[in-house]
Amino acid sequence: MPELIFDLWFPSTYSLKRIASRLELKEAHSDDENYWEWVIGTFDGIEIDLTRTHTLPIDATETRIFRLDHEAFSAQTKLKLIERLRDFVHGPIQCGKMTGADGHNFIKLSVESYESNPK
């Protein structure tokens, strides 16, 4: 049985709004707080959250995508996300699960990795 995918994460120097645009998120809106910034929108009929810290330089952090309802991605939706991300992400796209460790830190359990194919 394949592992369930709850999160995707990858390096990107694009703004979250630009990533949302490249993913063609519907009804996207953004916000931020002291540590996190995010864009929430609809992709493939589900609400997803693009998030990362804005306390580090953009090239020293990763962008995370997860479903707002915290359910696992279907294989079809995951593949659609990977297909779009591979066109502009420069670096590996990890799939798996991120769980809170303490504060703003996460334990990342990667079960799949995809190479990017920027044009």
Protein backbone atom coordinates (compact mmCIF):
# COMPACT_ATOMS: atom_id res chain seq x y z
CA MET A 1 0.00 0.00 0.00
CA PRO A 2 1.48 3.41 -0.93
CA GLU A 3 2.35 5.88 1.80
CA LEU A 4 -0.16 8.67 2.41
CA ILE A 5 1.04 12.12 1.36
CA PHE A 6 -0.05 14.98 3.60
CA ASP A 7 2.62 17.56 2.71
CA LEU A 8 4.83 18.62 -0.18
CA TRP A 9 7.86 20.85 0.41
CA PHE A 10 10.48 22.37 -1.85
CA PRO A 11 12.93 25.25 -2.18
CA SER A 12 11.80 28.31 -4.13
CA THR A 13 12.87 31.91 -4.38
CA TYR A 14 9.47 32.80 -5.88
CA SER A 15 7.05 34.74 -3.72
CA LEU A 16 4.12 32.70 -2.41
CA LYS A 17 1.78 34.76 -4.60
CA ARG A 18 3.84 33.86 -7.66
CA ILE A 19 3.82 30.17 -6.70
CA ALA A 20 0.03 30.38 -6.25
CA SER A 21 -0.24 31.94 -9.69
CA ARG A 22 1.95 29.24 -11.29
CA LEU A 23 -0.21 26.57 -9.61
CA GLU A 24 -3.31 28.40 -10.89
CA LEU A 25 -4.93 28.51 -7.45
CA LYS A 26 -8.52 29.71 -7.48
CA GLU A 27 -9.85 32.24 -4.95
CA ALA A 28 -6.34 32.73 -3.52
CA HIS A 29 -5.79 35.07 -0.59
CA SER A 30 -2.67 35.74 1.45
CA ASP A 31 -1.76 36.78 4.97
CA ASP A 32 1.14 36.67 7.42
CA GLU A 33 2.00 36.90 11.09
CA ASN A 34 5.22 37.29 13.09
CA TYR A 35 6.80 34.08 11.78
CA TRP A 36 4.70 32.58 8.93
CA GLU A 37 3.36 33.85 5.63
CA TRP A 38 0.82 31.93 3.56
CA VAL A 39 -1.48 31.82 0.57
CA ILE A 40 -4.67 29.78 0.72
CA GLY A 41 -6.56 28.85 -2.42
CA THR A 42 -8.35 26.06 -4.24
CA PHE A 43 -6.49 23.50 -6.34
CA ASP A 44 -8.20 20.52 -7.96
CA GLY A 45 -11.34 21.24 -5.93
CA ILE A 46 -9.64 21.29 -2.51
CA GLU A 47 -8.37 24.14 -0.33
CA ILE A 48 -4.61 24.12 0.04
CA ASP A 49 -2.20 26.22 2.06
CA LEU A 50 1.19 27.38 0.72
CA THR A 51 3.29 28.47 3.67
CA ARG A 52 6.81 29.28 4.81
CA THR A 53 8.61 31.40 7.35
CA HIS A 54 9.49 34.96 6.47
CA THR A 55 12.07 35.21 9.26
CA LEU A 56 14.84 33.67 7.13
CA PRO A 57 16.20 34.65 3.73
CA ILE A 58 14.00 33.18 1.01
CA ASP A 59 16.80 30.89 -0.21
CA ALA A 60 17.29 29.46 3.31
CA THR A 61 13.79 28.07 3.81
CA GLU A 62 11.33 25.73 2.11
CA THR A 63 7.77 26.22 0.94
CA ARG A 64 5.21 23.74 2.26
CA ILE A 65 1.89 22.75 0.70
CA PHE A 66 -0.81 20.98 2.68
CA ARG A 67 -4.56 20.51 2.56
CA LEU A 68 -6.46 22.90 4.79
CA ASP A 69 -8.62 20.01 6.02
CA HIS A 70 -5.41 18.11 6.97
CA GLU A 71 -6.44 15.07 4.90
CA ALA A 72 -3.99 13.20 2.66
CA PHE A 73 -3.65 14.22 -0.98
CA SER A 74 -5.16 11.84 -3.49
CA ALA A 75 -2.60 10.32 -5.87
CA GLN A 76 -4.21 12.28 -8.73
CA THR A 77 -4.02 15.67 -6.98
CA LYS A 78 -0.46 15.01 -5.80
CA LEU A 79 0.63 14.22 -9.36
CA LYS A 80 -1.06 17.38 -10.69
CA LEU A 81 0.81 19.46 -8.10
CA ILE A 82 4.13 17.75 -8.89
CA GLU A 83 3.61 18.26 -12.62
CA ARG A 84 3.11 22.01 -12.18
CA LEU A 85 5.84 22.43 -9.56
CA ARG A 86 8.45 20.64 -11.69
CA ASP A 87 8.16 23.44 -14.27
CA PHE A 88 9.53 26.14 -11.97
CA VAL A 89 11.02 24.66 -8.79
CA HIS A 90 14.82 24.49 -8.77
CA GLY A 91 15.53 21.58 -6.45
CA PRO A 92 13.89 18.45 -5.12
CA ILE A 93 10.17 18.30 -4.38
CA GLN A 94 9.63 16.19 -1.28
CA CYS A 95 6.37 14.42 -0.44
CA GLY A 96 5.43 12.92 2.90
CA LYS A 97 4.37 14.27 6.27
CA MET A 98 5.54 17.14 8.43
CA THR A 99 4.71 16.99 12.11
CA GLY A 100 5.27 19.65 14.73
CA ALA A 101 8.31 19.09 16.91
CA ASP A 102 8.40 22.23 19.02
CA GLY A 103 7.59 25.86 18.41
CA HIS A 104 8.03 26.53 14.71
CA ASN A 105 10.11 23.40 14.00
CA PHE A 106 8.89 20.37 12.11
CA ILE A 107 10.00 16.79 11.69
CA LYS A 108 9.92 15.96 7.97
CA LEU A 109 9.28 12.39 6.90
CA SER A 110 9.87 12.27 3.15
CA VAL A 111 8.58 9.14 1.41
CA GLU A 112 8.88 10.37 -2.20
CA SER A 113 11.14 12.82 -3.97
CA TYR A 114 10.81 14.32 -7.44
CA GLU A 115 13.42 16.22 -9.39
CA SER A 116 12.49 19.53 -10.90
CA ASN A 117 12.56 20.20 -14.62
CA PRO A 118 12.62 24.00 -14.95
CA LYS A 119 12.31 25.24 -18.49
